[in-house]
Protein backbone atom coordinates (compact mmCIF):
# COMPACT_ATOMS: atom_id res chain seq x y z
CA UNK A 1 14.24 -47.80 20.87
CA UNK A 2 16.29 -44.58 20.76
CA UNK A 3 15.09 -43.81 17.20
CA UNK A 4 11.49 -44.33 18.28
CA UNK A 5 11.93 -41.83 21.11
CA UNK A 6 13.41 -39.23 18.74
CA UNK A 7 10.57 -39.82 16.28
CA UNK A 8 7.95 -39.39 19.04
CA UNK A 9 9.60 -36.18 20.26
CA UNK A 10 9.70 -34.73 16.74
CA UNK A 11 6.10 -35.75 16.11
CA UNK A 12 4.94 -34.21 19.39
CA UNK A 13 6.87 -30.97 18.75
CA UNK A 14 5.50 -30.74 15.22
CA UNK A 15 1.92 -31.28 16.41
CA UNK A 16 2.40 -28.65 19.11
CA UNK A 17 3.72 -26.09 16.61
CA UNK A 18 0.89 -26.78 14.17
CA UNK A 19 -1.65 -26.42 16.98
CA UNK A 20 -0.14 -23.08 18.00
CA UNK A 21 -0.26 -21.82 14.41
CA UNK A 22 -3.91 -22.83 14.06
CA UNK A 23 -4.82 -21.08 17.33
CA UNK A 24 -2.83 -18.00 16.28
CA UNK A 25 -4.63 -17.81 12.94
CA UNK A 26 -8.11 -18.33 14.42
CA UNK A 27 -7.50 -15.66 17.06
CA UNK A 28 -5.96 -13.20 14.62
CA UNK A 29 -2.59 -13.22 16.38
CA UNK A 30 -1.14 -14.37 13.06
CA UNK A 31 -2.80 -14.02 9.68
CA UNK A 32 -1.39 -14.95 6.30
CA UNK A 33 -2.56 -13.12 3.18
CA UNK A 34 -1.89 -13.06 -0.55
CA UNK A 35 -1.61 -9.59 -2.10
CA UNK A 36 -3.15 -9.57 -5.60
CA UNK A 37 -2.62 -5.87 -6.38
CA UNK A 38 0.35 -3.49 -6.70
CA UNK A 39 -1.05 -0.71 -4.48
CA UNK A 40 1.67 -1.10 -1.82
CA UNK A 41 4.67 -1.48 -4.10
CA UNK A 42 7.60 -1.14 -3.82
CA UNK A 43 7.36 -2.33 -0.21
CA UNK A 44 4.90 -5.18 -0.79
CA UNK A 45 5.18 -6.72 -4.24
CA UNK A 46 2.14 -7.76 -6.21
CA UNK A 47 1.63 -11.51 -5.81
CA UNK A 48 3.54 -11.77 -2.53
CA UNK A 49 2.44 -13.14 0.82
CA UNK A 50 2.34 -11.13 4.03
CA UNK A 51 2.07 -12.01 7.70
CA UNK A 52 -0.16 -9.85 9.89
CA UNK A 53 -0.77 -9.72 13.64
CA UNK A 54 -3.47 -8.04 15.73
CA UNK A 55 -1.50 -7.88 18.99
CA UNK A 56 0.77 -4.96 18.10
CA UNK A 57 -0.34 -1.34 18.61
CA UNK A 58 -1.43 0.38 15.42
CA UNK A 59 1.25 2.96 14.61
CA UNK A 60 0.92 5.88 12.24
CA UNK A 61 2.95 5.54 9.03
CA UNK A 62 3.01 1.74 9.32
CA UNK A 63 1.42 -0.73 6.91
CA UNK A 64 -1.83 -2.02 8.41
CA UNK A 65 -4.79 -4.11 7.30
CA UNK A 66 -8.40 -2.95 7.49
CA UNK A 67 -11.86 -3.99 6.36
CA UNK A 68 -12.97 -2.09 3.28
CA UNK A 69 -16.77 -2.03 3.10
CA UNK A 70 -17.40 0.02 -0.03
CA UNK A 71 -20.27 -1.35 -2.09
CA UNK A 72 -18.90 0.26 -5.25
CA UNK A 73 -15.38 -1.15 -5.08
CA UNK A 74 -16.17 -4.45 -3.41
CA UNK A 75 -15.71 -5.52 0.19
CA UNK A 76 -12.44 -7.02 1.37
CA UNK A 77 -9.32 -6.61 3.49
CA UNK A 78 -6.92 -3.91 2.28
CA UNK A 79 -3.24 -3.40 3.13
CA UNK A 80 -2.17 0.24 3.10
CA UNK A 81 -0.20 2.78 5.12
CA UNK A 82 -1.93 4.58 7.99
CA UNK A 83 -1.02 8.22 7.40
CA UNK A 84 -3.58 10.09 9.48
CA UNK A 85 -5.72 9.70 12.58
CA UNK A 86 -8.46 11.72 14.25
CA UNK A 87 -7.77 15.47 14.09
CA UNK A 88 -4.87 15.27 11.62
CA UNK A 89 -4.85 17.60 8.62
CA UNK A 90 -4.11 15.75 5.39
CA UNK A 91 -2.96 17.44 2.20
CA UNK A 92 -1.27 16.21 -0.98
CA UNK A 93 0.59 18.82 -3.02
CA UNK A 94 1.91 17.80 -6.44
CA UNK A 95 2.00 14.18 -5.31
CA UNK A 96 3.74 14.84 -1.96
CA UNK A 97 1.95 14.04 1.30
CA UNK A 98 1.76 16.60 4.10
CA UNK A 99 0.36 15.74 7.53
CA UNK A 100 -0.28 18.68 9.84
CA UNK A 101 1.69 20.87 7.41
CA UNK A 102 4.81 18.68 7.59
CA UNK A 103 6.16 16.60 4.70
CA UNK A 104 5.37 13.00 5.67
CA UNK A 105 6.99 11.04 2.82
CA UNK A 106 10.57 11.22 4.08
CA UNK A 107 12.10 7.83 4.76
CA UNK A 108 9.27 5.87 3.06
CA UNK A 109 9.95 4.07 -0.21
CA UNK A 110 7.21 5.06 -2.64
CA UNK A 111 6.22 4.74 -6.26
CA UNK A 112 5.06 7.74 -8.26
CA UNK A 113 3.89 8.27 -11.81
CA UNK A 114 6.60 9.30 -14.27
CA UNK A 115 6.76 10.32 -17.91
CA UNK A 116 9.71 8.52 -19.51
CA UNK A 117 11.15 8.10 -23.00
CA UNK A 118 11.26 5.01 -25.18
CA UNK A 119 14.92 4.31 -24.39
CA UNK A 120 14.14 4.20 -20.67
CA UNK A 121 11.23 1.83 -21.35
CA UNK A 122 13.55 -0.53 -23.22
CA UNK A 123 16.08 -0.43 -20.40
CA UNK A 124 13.43 -1.20 -17.76
CA UNK A 125 12.06 -4.08 -19.82
CA UNK A 126 15.56 -5.54 -20.09
CA UNK A 127 15.64 -5.42 -16.28
CA UNK A 128 12.42 -7.43 -16.06
CA UNK A 129 9.64 -4.82 -15.95
CA UNK A 130 6.58 -6.06 -17.83
CA UNK A 131 5.45 -4.19 -20.95
CA UNK A 132 2.02 -4.02 -19.29
CA UNK A 133 3.46 -1.51 -16.81
CA UNK A 134 3.78 1.19 -19.47
CA UNK A 135 1.06 3.43 -20.92
CA UNK A 136 2.05 5.02 -24.21
CA UNK A 137 1.01 8.67 -24.61
CA UNK A 138 2.73 9.30 -27.97
CA UNK A 139 5.43 7.73 -30.12
CA UNK A 140 8.35 8.70 -27.87
CA UNK A 141 6.87 8.91 -24.37
CA UNK A 142 5.18 6.63 -21.86
CA UNK A 143 3.72 6.80 -18.35
CA UNK A 144 4.69 4.31 -15.68
CA UNK A 145 4.95 4.01 -11.89
CA UNK A 146 8.53 3.95 -10.61
CA UNK A 147 10.30 4.02 -7.27
CA UNK A 148 13.23 6.35 -6.71
CA UNK A 149 15.83 3.60 -7.00
CA UNK A 150 14.55 2.73 -10.50
CA UNK A 151 15.31 6.19 -11.87
CA UNK A 152 18.37 6.64 -14.05
CA UNK A 153 20.15 9.81 -15.13
CA UNK A 154 21.02 8.07 -18.41
CA UNK A 155 17.44 8.50 -19.61
CA UNK A 156 14.73 11.15 -19.69
CA UNK A 157 12.16 11.11 -16.88
CA UNK A 158 9.94 13.60 -15.07
CA UNK A 159 7.22 13.34 -12.46
CA UNK A 160 3.79 13.35 -14.04
CA UNK A 161 1.14 15.18 -12.04
CA UNK A 162 -2.35 14.26 -13.19
CA UNK A 163 -4.36 17.48 -13.67
CA UNK A 164 -7.71 15.76 -14.13
CA UNK A 165 -10.41 15.66 -11.47
CA UNK A 166 -11.40 12.23 -10.23
CA UNK A 167 -15.16 11.69 -10.03
CA UNK A 168 -14.85 9.38 -7.01
CA UNK A 169 -12.87 11.98 -5.08
CA UNK A 170 -15.35 14.71 -6.00
CA UNK A 171 -18.29 12.48 -5.02
CA UNK A 172 -16.90 11.74 -1.54
CA UNK A 173 -15.29 15.05 -0.58
CA UNK A 174 -17.34 17.44 -2.77
CA UNK A 175 -14.17 19.25 -3.85
CA UNK A 176 -12.45 19.57 -7.22
CA UNK A 177 -9.41 17.63 -6.00
CA UNK A 178 -7.19 15.15 -7.80
CA UNK A 179 -5.12 12.22 -6.56
CA UNK A 180 -1.97 14.41 -6.72
CA UNK A 181 -3.48 17.62 -5.37
CA UNK A 182 -5.82 16.70 -2.56
CA UNK A 183 -7.06 18.54 0.50
CA UNK A 184 -6.50 19.98 2.96
CA UNK A 185 -8.98 17.92 4.94
CA UNK A 186 -9.20 17.25 8.69
CA UNK A 187 -9.90 13.68 9.77
CA UNK A 188 -13.16 13.44 11.79
CA UNK A 189 -13.51 11.71 15.20
CA UNK A 190 -13.28 7.93 15.06
CA UNK A 191 -11.85 7.95 11.53
CA UNK A 192 -8.44 7.31 9.97
CA UNK A 193 -6.84 7.92 6.57
CA UNK A 194 -4.95 5.33 4.51
CA UNK A 195 -2.71 5.68 1.46
CA UNK A 196 -1.03 3.05 -0.70
CA UNK A 197 2.72 3.35 -1.22
CA UNK A 198 2.17 3.09 -4.99
CA UNK A 199 0.57 6.50 -4.93
CA UNK A 200 -0.85 6.57 -8.44
CA UNK A 201 -2.03 2.95 -8.43
CA UNK A 202 -3.82 2.58 -5.11
CA UNK A 203 -7.50 2.52 -4.20
CA UNK A 204 -7.25 4.24 -0.82
CA UNK A 205 -8.88 6.92 1.33
CA UNK A 206 -8.68 9.47 -1.47
CA UNK A 207 -11.22 7.41 -3.38
CA UNK A 208 -13.15 5.42 -0.76
CA UNK A 209 -13.23 8.05 1.99
CA UNK A 210 -12.26 7.93 5.65
CA UNK A 211 -12.06 4.52 7.33
CA UNK A 212 -13.60 3.74 10.72
CA UNK A 213 -10.80 3.20 13.23
CA UNK A 214 -12.66 0.11 14.45
CA UNK A 215 -12.17 -1.51 11.01
CA UNK A 216 -8.39 -1.82 11.48
CA UNK A 217 -7.58 -5.51 11.79
CA UNK A 218 -3.81 -5.86 12.07
CA UNK A 219 -0.23 -4.76 11.52
CA UNK A 220 2.06 -6.18 8.85
CA UNK A 221 5.08 -7.91 10.41
CA UNK A 222 6.39 -9.55 7.23
CA UNK A 223 7.78 -8.11 5.03
CA UNK A 224 9.54 -5.89 7.55
CA UNK A 225 7.31 -2.92 8.31
């Protein structure tokens, strides 16, 4: 009799929890998503799962989700960092983000594009980095996206600033800007500006344009934001 009571209590509690999770998902209070791209590394790894909620206020410099409605790049839900809202001035100088003339990258773990030597490539591969992450530019040197904690003074490395214009940026903003030297531009009313943390491997507002504020759908709560 006692075991039956325990079983019934556990069954009831489990059903209640499952019901709450279903309601939370349908209402948007909790959403679970798989991240197929590396645009938010190192903070959200490619292939990981995230948990999102729509009940928290949308804070600047936090990772949020939004509806991306570009016909060219395909519609879907993107996860990126909100770096600018209505009236903010956005500028990227040599790969560094400035918002309203202040450096905005402090305290945020980011990935940037680096030129590294063959010895550094071998070391990174021994540590588990896939060979697909490296783009060879000549016999001795490669390009790859690295976070600051992956850098090593035992090997050659230097930030690589892409000098080439991007046709998508030019098409949207009608300026000869690049991903690493962009702006300044002021965000119009009702719009926001998103960037991926993997700055040279992210399809964000530099390429798709401003995002309607109404398209924001949630805040990332896991991993810790």
